[in-house]
C-alpha atoms as a PDB file:
ATOM      1  CA  MET A   1     127.527  98.672  76.973  1.00  0.00           C
ATOM      2  CA  SER A   2     124.347  96.649  76.423  1.00  0.00           C
ATOM      3  CA  ASP A   3     121.967  95.953  79.319  1.00  0.00           C
ATOM      4  CA  SER A   4     122.886  92.249  79.120  1.00  0.00           C
ATOM      5  CA  ALA A   5     126.438  93.191  80.094  1.00  0.00           C
ATOM      6  CA  LYS A   6     125.266  95.288  83.061  1.00  0.00           C
ATOM      7  CA  THR A   7     124.534  93.676  86.414  1.00  0.00           C
ATOM      8  CA  ILE A   8     121.681  94.659  88.691  1.00  0.00           C
ATOM      9  CA  LEU A   9     121.879  93.295  92.223  1.00  0.00           C
ATOM     10  CA  VAL A  10     118.349  92.533  93.454  1.00  0.00           C
ATOM     11  CA  THR A  11     117.777  92.141  97.193  1.00  0.00           C
ATOM     12  CA  GLY A  12     114.698  90.278  98.376  1.00  0.00           C
ATOM     13  CA  ALA A  13     114.880  88.337  95.111  1.00  0.00           C
ATOM     14  CA  THR A  14     112.811  85.422  96.395  1.00  0.00           C
ATOM     15  CA  GLY A  15     110.096  87.720  97.771  1.00  0.00           C
ATOM     16  CA  ARG A  16     107.148  89.405  96.103  1.00  0.00           C
ATOM     17  CA  GLN A  17     108.753  92.721  95.154  1.00  0.00           C
ATOM     18  CA  GLY A  18     112.287  91.531  94.561  1.00  0.00           C
ATOM     19  CA  GLY A  19     111.023  88.531  92.625  1.00  0.00           C
ATOM     20  CA  ALA A  20     108.926  90.753  90.366  1.00  0.00           C
ATOM     21  CA  VAL A  21     111.887  93.082  89.805  1.00  0.00           C
ATOM     22  CA  ALA A  22     114.212  90.178  88.985  1.00  0.00           C
ATOM     23  CA  ALA A  23     111.699  88.778  86.500  1.00  0.00           C
ATOM     24  CA  ARG A  24     111.173  92.138  84.794  1.00  0.00           C
ATOM     25  CA  LEU A  25     114.881  92.885  84.502  1.00  0.00           C
ATOM     26  CA  LEU A  26     115.593  89.425  83.106  1.00  0.00           C
ATOM     27  CA  ALA A  27     112.820  89.923  80.544  1.00  0.00           C
ATOM     28  CA  ASP A  28     114.333  93.293  79.609  1.00  0.00           C
ATOM     29  CA  GLY A  29     117.733  91.730  79.025  1.00  0.00           C
ATOM     30  CA  TRP A  30     119.679  92.763  82.128  1.00  0.00           C
ATOM     31  CA  HIS A  31     122.116  90.492  83.942  1.00  0.00           C
ATOM     32  CA  VAL A  32     120.401  89.907  87.285  1.00  0.00           C
ATOM     33  CA  ARG A  33     122.329  88.994  90.421  1.00  0.00           C
ATOM     34  CA  ALA A  34     119.736  87.697  92.878  1.00  0.00           C
ATOM     35  CA  LEU A  35     120.594  87.976  96.569  1.00  0.00           C
ATOM     36  CA  THR A  36     119.185  85.326  98.877  1.00  0.00           C
ATOM     37  CA  ARG A  37     120.056  83.869 102.238  1.00  0.00           C
ATOM     38  CA  ASN A  38     119.355  80.366 100.899  1.00  0.00           C
ATOM     39  CA  PRO A  39     120.534  79.695  97.325  1.00  0.00           C
ATOM     40  CA  GLU A  40     119.181  76.148  97.615  1.00  0.00           C
ATOM     41  CA  SER A  41     115.566  77.169  98.151  1.00  0.00           C
ATOM     42  CA  ALA A  42     112.989  76.336  95.488  1.00  0.00           C
ATOM     43  CA  LYS A  43     112.500  80.012  94.616  1.00  0.00           C
ATOM     44  CA  ALA A  44     116.242  80.589  94.339  1.00  0.00           C
ATOM     45  CA  LYS A  45     116.616  77.584  92.058  1.00  0.00           C
ATOM     46  CA  ALA A  46     113.751  78.877  89.898  1.00  0.00           C
ATOM     47  CA  LEU A  47     115.532  82.213  89.568  1.00  0.00           C
ATOM     48  CA  LYS A  48     118.696  80.444  88.473  1.00  0.00           C
ATOM     49  CA  GLU A  49     116.753  78.434  85.897  1.00  0.00           C
ATOM     50  CA  ALA A  50     115.265  81.696  84.613  1.00  0.00           C
ATOM     51  CA  GLY A  51     118.744  83.045  83.978  1.00  0.00           C
ATOM     52  CA  ALA A  52     119.640  84.914  87.168  1.00  0.00           C
ATOM     53  CA  GLU A  53     122.973  84.678  88.920  1.00  0.00           C
ATOM     54  CA  VAL A  54     122.011  83.575  92.424  1.00  0.00           C
ATOM     55  CA  VAL A  55     124.345  84.623  95.247  1.00  0.00           C
ATOM     56  CA  ALA A  56     124.244  84.048  98.990  1.00  0.00           C
ATOM     57  CA  GLY A  57     124.034  87.112 101.180  1.00  0.00           C
ATOM     58  CA  ASP A  58     122.360  88.655 104.185  1.00  0.00           C
ATOM     59  CA  LEU A  59     121.304  92.240 104.815  1.00  0.00           C
ATOM     60  CA  ASP A  60     122.898  91.967 108.262  1.00  0.00           C
ATOM     61  CA  ASP A  61     126.273  90.968 106.800  1.00  0.00           C
ATOM     62  CA  GLN A  62     128.176  93.892 105.250  1.00  0.00           C
ATOM     63  CA  ASP A  63     130.891  91.670 103.793  1.00  0.00           C
ATOM     64  CA  SER A  64     128.351  89.522 101.931  1.00  0.00           C
ATOM     65  CA  LEU A  65     126.658  92.641 100.552  1.00  0.00           C
ATOM     66  CA  ASP A  66     129.969  94.121  99.423  1.00  0.00           C
ATOM     67  CA  THR A  67     130.804  90.889  97.619  1.00  0.00           C
ATOM     68  CA  ALA A  68     127.355  90.670  96.016  1.00  0.00           C
ATOM     69  CA  ALA A  69     127.417  94.299  94.836  1.00  0.00           C
ATOM     70  CA  ALA A  70     130.930  94.180  93.339  1.00  0.00           C
ATOM     71  CA  GLY A  71     130.835  95.323  89.735  1.00  0.00           C
ATOM     72  CA  ALA A  72     127.096  96.024  89.774  1.00  0.00           C
ATOM     73  CA  PHE A  73     125.662  98.779  87.573  1.00  0.00           C
ATOM     74  CA  GLY A  74     122.628  99.076  89.823  1.00  0.00           C
ATOM     75  CA  VAL A  75     121.080  97.818  93.057  1.00  0.00           C
ATOM     76  CA  PHE A  76     117.428  97.208  93.914  1.00  0.00           C
ATOM     77  CA  SER A  77     116.844  97.571  97.643  1.00  0.00           C
ATOM     78  CA  VAL A  78     113.802  96.291  99.518  1.00  0.00           C
ATOM     79  CA  HIS A  79     113.519  95.478 103.224  1.00  0.00           C
ATOM     80  CA  ALA A  80     111.049  93.710 105.466  1.00  0.00           C
ATOM     81  CA  GLY A  81     109.273  96.168 107.741  1.00  0.00           C
ATOM     82  CA  ALA A  82     109.093  96.057 111.514  1.00  0.00           C
ATOM     83  CA  TYR A  83     105.589  94.817 112.336  1.00  0.00           C
ATOM     84  CA  GLU A  84     103.924  92.207 114.519  1.00  0.00           C
ATOM     85  CA  GLY A  85     104.559  88.718 113.243  1.00  0.00           C
ATOM     86  CA  GLY A  86     107.285  89.864 110.867  1.00  0.00           C
ATOM     87  CA  PRO A  87     110.896  88.742 111.093  1.00  0.00           C
ATOM     88  CA  TYR A  88     112.024  92.074 112.585  1.00  0.00           C
ATOM     89  CA  GLY A  89     109.096  93.029 114.765  1.00  0.00           C
ATOM     90  CA  HIS A  90     111.437  92.830 117.745  1.00  0.00           C
ATOM     91  CA  ASP A  91     114.096  95.082 116.165  1.00  0.00           C
ATOM     92  CA  LEU A  92     112.749  98.460 115.053  1.00  0.00           C
ATOM     93  CA  GLY A  93     116.151  99.684 113.895  1.00  0.00           C
ATOM     94  CA  HIS A  94     116.788  96.813 111.519  1.00  0.00           C
ATOM     95  CA  GLU A  95     115.297  98.400 108.414  1.00  0.00           C
ATOM     96  CA  ALA A  96     117.432 101.549 108.645  1.00  0.00           C
ATOM     97  CA  ARG A  97     120.579  99.553 109.440  1.00  0.00           C
ATOM     98  CA  SER A  98     120.096  97.175 106.531  1.00  0.00           C
ATOM     99  CA  ALA A  99     119.356 100.085 104.168  1.00  0.00           C
ATOM    100  CA  ALA A 100     122.580 101.744 105.300  1.00  0.00           C
ATOM    101  CA  LYS A 101     124.490  98.522 104.643  1.00  0.00           C
ATOM    102  CA  ILE A 102     123.129  98.052 101.131  1.00  0.00           C
ATOM    103  CA  GLY A 103     123.759 101.729 100.398  1.00  0.00           C
ATOM    104  CA  ALA A 104     127.345 101.365 101.573  1.00  0.00           C
ATOM    105  CA  ALA A 105     127.796  98.269  99.410  1.00  0.00           C
ATOM    106  CA  ALA A 106     126.417 100.095  96.364  1.00  0.00           C
ATOM    107  CA  LYS A 107     128.720 103.042  97.063  1.00  0.00           C
ATOM    108  CA  ALA A 108     131.795 100.827  97.443  1.00  0.00           C
ATOM    109  CA  ALA A 109     130.920  99.040  94.205  1.00  0.00           C
ATOM    110  CA  GLY A 110     130.637 102.325  92.307  1.00  0.00           C
ATOM    111  CA  ALA A 111     127.054 101.512  91.322  1.00  0.00           C
ATOM    112  CA  THR A 112     125.502 103.971  88.891  1.00  0.00           C
ATOM    113  CA  HIS A 113     122.025 103.842  90.420  1.00  0.00           C
ATOM    114  CA  LEU A 114     120.105 102.436  93.378  1.00  0.00           C
ATOM    115  CA  VAL A 115     116.334 101.920  93.440  1.00  0.00           C
ATOM    116  CA  HIS A 116     114.875 101.641  96.925  1.00  0.00           C
ATOM    117  CA  SER A 117     111.355 100.437  97.683  1.00  0.00           C
ATOM    118  CA  SER A 118     109.720 102.146 100.659  1.00  0.00           C
ATOM    119  CA  SER A 119     106.018 102.823 101.339  1.00  0.00           C
ATOM    120  CA  ILE A 120     103.366 105.303 100.364  1.00  0.00           C
ATOM    121  CA  GLY A 121     102.739 107.829 103.119  1.00  0.00           C
ATOM    122  CA  VAL A 122     106.357 108.514 104.019  1.00  0.00           C
ATOM    123  CA  GLY A 123     106.965 112.248 104.074  1.00  0.00           C
ATOM    124  CA  GLY A 124     103.283 113.046 104.545  1.00  0.00           C
ATOM    125  CA  PRO A 125     101.110 113.780 107.591  1.00  0.00           C
ATOM    126  CA  LEU A 126     100.577 110.095 108.349  1.00  0.00           C
ATOM    127  CA  GLU A 127     104.249 109.532 109.084  1.00  0.00           C
ATOM    128  CA  ALA A 128     103.978 111.238 112.472  1.00  0.00           C
ATOM    129  CA  VAL A 129     101.274 108.843 113.664  1.00  0.00           C
ATOM    130  CA  MET A 130     102.206 105.568 111.937  1.00  0.00           C
ATOM    131  CA  ASP A 131     105.148 103.663 113.405  1.00  0.00           C
ATOM    132  CA  MET A 132     105.736 101.644 110.235  1.00  0.00           C
ATOM    133  CA  LEU A 133     106.128 104.796 108.146  1.00  0.00           C
ATOM    134  CA  GLN A 134     108.649 106.161 110.621  1.00  0.00           C
ATOM    135  CA  ARG A 135     110.784 103.050 110.108  1.00  0.00           C
ATOM    136  CA  LYS A 136     110.458 103.424 106.336  1.00  0.00           C
ATOM    137  CA  ALA A 137     111.472 107.086 106.590  1.00  0.00           C
ATOM    138  CA  GLU A 138     114.588 106.130 108.542  1.00  0.00           C
ATOM    139  CA  ALA A 139     115.521 103.634 105.816  1.00  0.00           C
ATOM    140  CA  GLU A 140     115.001 106.269 103.106  1.00  0.00           C
ATOM    141  CA  HIS A 141     117.280 108.618 105.044  1.00  0.00           C
ATOM    142  CA  ALA A 142     119.962 105.935 105.144  1.00  0.00           C
ATOM    143  CA  ILE A 143     119.728 105.485 101.371  1.00  0.00           C
ATOM    144  CA  ARG A 144     120.086 109.234 100.794  1.00  0.00           C
ATOM    145  CA  GLU A 145     123.039 109.369 103.166  1.00  0.00           C
ATOM    146  CA  SER A 146     124.827 106.674 101.138  1.00  0.00           C
ATOM    147  CA  GLY A 147     125.582 109.217  98.429  1.00  0.00           C
ATOM    148  CA  VAL A 148     124.582 106.808  95.646  1.00  0.00           C
ATOM    149  CA  PRO A 149     122.303 108.283  92.947  1.00  0.00           C
ATOM    150  CA  HIS A 150     118.918 106.792  93.676  1.00  0.00           C
ATOM    151  CA  THR A 151     115.200 106.612  92.997  1.00  0.00           C
ATOM    152  CA  ILE A 152     112.715 105.904  95.777  1.00  0.00           C
ATOM    153  CA  LEU A 153     109.522 103.966  95.078  1.00  0.00           C
ATOM    154  CA  ARG A 154     106.655 104.192  97.556  1.00  0.00           C
ATOM    155  CA  PRO A 155     104.149 101.445  96.756  1.00  0.00           C
ATOM    156  CA  SER A 156     100.568 101.538  97.989  1.00  0.00           C
ATOM    157  CA  SER A 157      98.574  98.384  98.888  1.00  0.00           C
ATOM    158  CA  PHE A 158      99.599  95.398  96.792  1.00  0.00           C
ATOM    159  CA  MET A 159      96.882  94.083  94.513  1.00  0.00           C
ATOM    160  CA  GLU A 160      98.233  90.607  95.293  1.00  0.00           C
ATOM    161  CA  ASN A 161      97.407  91.029  98.978  1.00  0.00           C
ATOM    162  CA  THR A 162      93.706  91.203  98.192  1.00  0.00           C
ATOM    163  CA  PHE A 163      93.852  87.479  97.489  1.00  0.00           C
ATOM    164  CA  ASP A 164      96.743  86.544  99.772  1.00  0.00           C
ATOM    165  CA  SER A 165      96.317  88.322 103.108  1.00  0.00           C
ATOM    166  CA  PHE A 166      94.558  87.611 106.378  1.00  0.00           C
ATOM    167  CA  ARG A 167      93.045  91.098 106.413  1.00  0.00           C
ATOM    168  CA  GLU A 168      91.205  91.345 103.099  1.00  0.00           C
ATOM    169  CA  LEU A 169      89.128  88.625 101.448  1.00  0.00           C
ATOM    170  CA  GLN A 170      87.785  86.236 104.063  1.00  0.00           C
ATOM    171  CA  ASN A 171      85.482  83.375 103.101  1.00  0.00           C
ATOM    172  CA  GLY A 172      84.642  85.162  99.872  1.00  0.00           C
ATOM    173  CA  ALA A 173      83.784  88.529 101.472  1.00  0.00           C
ATOM    174  CA  LEU A 174      85.839  91.728 101.498  1.00  0.00           C
ATOM    175  CA  VAL A 175      86.363  92.207 105.222  1.00  0.00           C
ATOM    176  CA  SER A 176      87.968  95.486 106.255  1.00  0.00           C
ATOM    177  CA  ILE A 177      88.343  98.142 108.930  1.00  0.00           C
ATOM    178  CA  LEU A 178      88.244 100.627 106.095  1.00  0.00           C
ATOM    179  CA  ASN A 179      84.858 102.290 105.733  1.00  0.00           C
ATOM    180  CA  ALA A 180      82.714 101.461 102.739  1.00  0.00           C
ATOM    181  CA  ASP A 181      83.524 104.795 101.094  1.00  0.00           C
ATOM    182  CA  THR A 182      87.230 104.949 102.038  1.00  0.00           C
ATOM    183  CA  LEU A 183      89.472 105.106  99.013  1.00  0.00           C
ATOM    184  CA  GLU A 184      92.400 102.688  98.991  1.00  0.00           C
ATOM    185  CA  PRO A 185      95.145 102.973  96.337  1.00  0.00           C
ATOM    186  CA  HIS A 186      96.567  99.732  94.917  1.00  0.00           C
ATOM    187  CA  ILE A 187      99.623  98.750  92.899  1.00  0.00           C
ATOM    188  CA  ALA A 188     100.618  95.511  91.189  1.00  0.00           C
ATOM    189  CA  ALA A 189     104.027  94.038  92.012  1.00  0.00           C
ATOM    190  CA  ALA A 190     104.652  93.929  88.257  1.00  0.00           C
ATOM    191  CA  ASP A 191     104.305  97.719  88.137  1.00  0.00           C
ATOM    192  CA  ILE A 192     106.697  98.237  91.034  1.00  0.00           C
ATOM    193  CA  ALA A 193     109.116  96.203  88.920  1.00  0.00           C
ATOM    194  CA  ALA A 194     108.309  98.283  85.849  1.00  0.00           C
ATOM    195  CA  PHE A 195     109.195 101.527  87.620  1.00  0.00           C
ATOM    196  CA  ALA A 196     112.440  99.997  88.888  1.00  0.00           C
ATOM    197  CA  ALA A 197     113.318  98.945  85.337  1.00  0.00           C
ATOM    198  CA  ILE A 198     112.468 102.407  84.002  1.00  0.00           C
ATOM    199  CA  ALA A 199     114.788 104.019  86.565  1.00  0.00           C
ATOM    200  CA  PHE A 200     117.665 101.658  85.766  1.00  0.00           C
ATOM    201  CA  THR A 201     117.221 102.219  82.033  1.00  0.00           C
ATOM    202  CA  ASP A 202     117.479 106.008  82.355  1.00  0.00           C
ATOM    203  CA  PRO A 203     119.134 106.792  85.713  1.00  0.00           C
ATOM    204  CA  ALA A 204     119.750 110.449  84.934  1.00  0.00           C
ATOM    205  CA  ALA A 205     116.052 111.096  84.328  1.00  0.00           C
ATOM    206  CA  HIS A 206     114.967 109.479  87.582  1.00  0.00           C
ATOM    207  CA  ALA A 207     117.796 110.266  90.006  1.00  0.00           C
ATOM    208  CA  GLY A 208     116.473 111.945  93.136  1.00  0.00           C
ATOM    209  CA  LYS A 209     112.850 111.230  92.190  1.00  0.00           C
ATOM    210  CA  VAL A 210     110.246 109.757  94.533  1.00  0.00           C
ATOM    211  CA  TYR A 211     107.247 107.949  93.063  1.00  0.00           C
ATOM    212  CA  GLU A 212     104.116 107.210  95.113  1.00  0.00           C
ATOM    213  CA  LEU A 213     102.903 104.138  93.260  1.00  0.00           C
ATOM    214  CA  ALA A 214      99.278 103.277  92.546  1.00  0.00           C
ATOM    215  CA  GLY A 215      97.498 101.947  89.490  1.00  0.00           C
ATOM    216  CA  ASP A 216      93.984 102.161  90.912  1.00  0.00           C
ATOM    217  CA  ASN A 217      92.174 103.932  93.743  1.00  0.00           C
ATOM    218  CA  LEU A 218      88.894 102.344  94.799  1.00  0.00           C
ATOM    219  CA  THR A 219      86.447 102.568  97.677  1.00  0.00           C
ATOM    220  CA  GLN A 220      85.781  99.328  99.514  1.00  0.00           C
ATOM    221  CA  THR A 221      82.330  98.915  97.980  1.00  0.00           C
ATOM    222  CA  GLU A 222      83.744  99.607  94.505  1.00  0.00           C
ATOM    223  CA  LYS A 223      86.445  97.028  95.093  1.00  0.00           C
ATOM    224  CA  ALA A 224      84.013  94.370  96.323  1.00  0.00           C
ATOM    225  CA  ALA A 225      81.670  95.019  93.391  1.00  0.00           C
ATOM    226  CA  LEU A 226      84.518  94.802  90.886  1.00  0.00           C
ATOM    227  CA  ILE A 227      85.778  91.511  92.278  1.00  0.00           C
ATOM    228  CA  GLY A 228      82.258  90.082  92.303  1.00  0.00           C
ATOM    229  CA  ARG A 229      81.621  91.110  88.706  1.00  0.00           C
ATOM    230  CA  LEU A 230      84.876  89.630  87.471  1.00  0.00           C
ATOM    231  CA  VAL A 231      84.513  86.293  89.261  1.00  0.00           C
ATOM    232  CA  GLY A 232      80.770  85.962  88.681  1.00  0.00           C
ATOM    233  CA  ARG A 233      79.644  85.716  92.288  1.00  0.00           C
ATOM    234  CA  GLU A 234      78.538  88.010  95.086  1.00  0.00           C
ATOM    235  CA  VAL A 235      81.466  89.413  97.060  1.00  0.00           C
ATOM    236  CA  PRO A 236      79.985  91.476  99.893  1.00  0.00           C
ATOM    237  CA  TYR A 237      81.804  94.227 101.753  1.00  0.00           C
ATOM    238  CA  VAL A 238      81.815  93.561 105.500  1.00  0.00           C
ATOM    239  CA  GLY A 239      82.995  96.309 107.823  1.00  0.00           C
ATOM    240  CA  ILE A 240      84.716  95.295 111.061  1.00  0.00           C
ATOM    241  CA  THR A 241      86.105  97.218 114.005  1.00  0.00           C
ATOM    242  CA  ALA A 242      89.708  98.099 114.744  1.00  0.00           C
ATOM    243  CA  GLU A 243      89.473  96.049 117.933  1.00  0.00           C
ATOM    244  CA  GLN A 244      88.779  92.890 115.932  1.00  0.00           C
ATOM    245  CA  VAL A 245      91.945  93.332 113.872  1.00  0.00           C
ATOM    246  CA  ALA A 246      94.079  94.550 116.764  1.00  0.00           C
ATOM    247  CA  ALA A 247      93.891  91.111 118.337  1.00  0.00           C
ATOM    248  CA  ASP A 248      96.110  89.852 115.499  1.00  0.00           C
ATOM    249  CA  SER A 249      97.979  93.009 114.524  1.00  0.00           C
ATOM    250  CA  PRO A 250      97.732  96.255 116.518  1.00  0.00           C
ATOM    251  CA  SER A 251      99.803  98.143 113.931  1.00  0.00           C
ATOM    252  CA  THR A 252      97.522  97.078 111.073  1.00  0.00           C
ATOM    253  CA  ALA A 253      94.479  98.152 113.058  1.00  0.00           C
ATOM    254  CA  LYS A 254      96.055 101.525 113.797  1.00  0.00           C
ATOM    255  CA  MET A 255      97.164 102.071 110.200  1.00  0.00           C
ATOM    256  CA  LEU A 256      93.829 101.239 108.590  1.00  0.00           C
ATOM    257  CA  GLY A 257      91.908 103.223 111.175  1.00  0.00           C
ATOM    258  CA  ILE A 258      93.976 106.288 110.326  1.00  0.00           C
ATOM    259  CA  LEU A 259      93.335 105.800 106.606  1.00  0.00           C
ATOM    260  CA  ASN A 260      89.607 106.195 107.223  1.00  0.00           C
ATOM    261  CA  GLU A 261      90.315 109.757 108.337  1.00  0.00           C
ATOM    262  CA  HIS A 262      93.275 110.599 106.085  1.00  0.00           C
ATOM    263  CA  PRO A 263      93.102 109.050 102.584  1.00  0.00           C
ATOM    264  CA  LEU A 264      96.403 108.702 100.780  1.00  0.00           C
ATOM    265  CA  PRO A 265      96.768 111.095  97.820  1.00  0.00           C
ATOM    266  CA  VAL A 266      97.957 109.553  94.549  1.00  0.00           C
ATOM    267  CA  ASP A 267      98.466 110.969  91.047  1.00  0.00           C
ATOM    268  CA  ILE A 268      97.781 108.019  88.763  1.00  0.00           C
ATOM    269  CA  PRO A 269      97.727 110.066  85.502  1.00  0.00           C
ATOM    270  CA  ALA A 270     101.248 111.358  86.254  1.00  0.00           C
ATOM    271  CA  LEU A 271     102.451 107.809  86.852  1.00  0.00           C
ATOM    272  CA  ARG A 272     100.772 106.597  83.683  1.00  0.00           C
ATOM    273  CA  ALA A 273     102.649 109.269  81.723  1.00  0.00           C
ATOM    274  CA  ILE A 274     105.874 107.544  82.807  1.00  0.00           C
ATOM    275  CA  HIS A 275     104.538 103.977  82.542  1.00  0.00           C
ATOM    276  CA  PRO A 276     101.552 103.840  80.152  1.00  0.00           C
ATOM    277  CA  ASP A 277     100.883 100.143  80.864  1.00  0.00           C
ATOM    278  CA  LEU A 278     100.190 100.791  84.562  1.00  0.00           C
ATOM    279  CA  LEU A 279      97.585  98.213  85.624  1.00  0.00           C
ATOM    280  CA  THR A 280      94.180  98.873  87.124  1.00  0.00           C
ATOM    281  CA  LEU A 281      92.866  96.259  89.559  1.00  0.00           C
ATOM    282  CA  GLU A 282      90.544  94.933  86.844  1.00  0.00           C
ATOM    283  CA  GLU A 283      93.413  94.611  84.371  1.00  0.00           C
ATOM    284  CA  TRP A 284      95.549  92.874  86.961  1.00  0.00           C
ATOM    285  CA  MET A 285      92.750  90.461  87.945  1.00  0.00           C
ATOM    286  CA  THR A 286      92.064  89.479  84.344  1.00  0.00           C
ATOM    287  CA  GLY A 287      95.744  89.361  83.354  1.00  0.00           C
ATOM    288  CA  VAL A 288      98.883  88.656  85.340  1.00  0.00           C
ATOM    289  CA  GLY A 289      96.956  88.252  88.600  1.00  0.00           C
ATOM    290  CA  LYS A 290      94.330  85.811  87.300  1.00  0.00           C
ATOM    291  CA  PRO A 291      96.099  82.661  88.593  1.00  0.00           C
ATOM    292  CA  LEU A 292      96.121  84.111  92.115  1.00  0.00           C
ATOM    293  CA  VAL A 293      92.461  85.113  91.839  1.00  0.00           C
ATOM    294  CA  ASP A 294      91.444  81.689  90.530  1.00  0.00           C
ATOM    295  CA  ALA A 295      93.461  79.902  93.208  1.00  0.00           C
ATOM    296  CA  TYR A 296      91.791  81.923  95.958  1.00  0.00           C
ATOM    297  CA  PHE A 297      88.240  81.118  94.860  1.00  0.00           C
ATOM    298  CA  ALA A 298      89.174  77.482  94.205  1.00  0.00           C
ATOM    299  CA  ARG A 299      90.185  77.264  97.870  1.00  0.00           C
ATOM    300  CA  ILE A 300      86.898  78.872  98.896  1.00  0.00           C
ATOM    301  CA  ASP A 301      84.887  76.381  96.832  1.00  0.00           C
ATOM    302  CA  ALA A 302      86.873  73.448  98.204  1.00  0.00           C
ATOM    303  CA  ALA A 303      86.415  74.456 101.828  1.00  0.00           C
END
């Protein structure tokens, strides 16, 4: 059976990760079934125009997930985390429950493979002290308990967030709790999608595997210097205290403060052996990410 005759159900299809996965699978020739709570949204309509089958569904509604997964060869699973300001900050059990529901739907559908996106740091020493990682670990456990053959992806910081987050670039400066010499691994959403596509293409080779995803690993001063060089302007690194960030997001302040003491280990050469086109931050900024970079500095200049 050709990939075009096989259906991959993509959750979070109108979000950053799910959207990237849907786009990659469509480009690779898969039949993509995009799950969304609002099929009439602009992003959902764009997915339909790109060739996806858009279906209504909700991670809280088992019946809708069972219907969406019916006949699917594979399922891509991604879930919003429990954090301040997020949609489930008030419900710490939501991520594990929704993972269990999508796992059950994949199992009932007889899906060949499930790819679940989690977070770097799960299973390591940081899990014990970072609430967000504990929630991600619970969701991973639910996926394993489903009994569906699966691959778990653990992305590091999104390259996109550098130019689209309250906690990174501010007024043209790289503002961070992270110390100047603290290494921070980064991954492009396109590469999360690439690893998902690789797993769906050869499920047997990737079943049971866990991939800690990063395409680059830079200190804060290296990152600021790289951005400045590529955009042709000074981008200073500005260190701030955890207390300054905690006013907006206590969990973010706690997480980044811990990273100053416990850097996240990544094995980029091993990942590149699986996916040779894995992007560095420079490659992302000058390629697929350039529109986001340009838009950010256009806003700065217009302010």
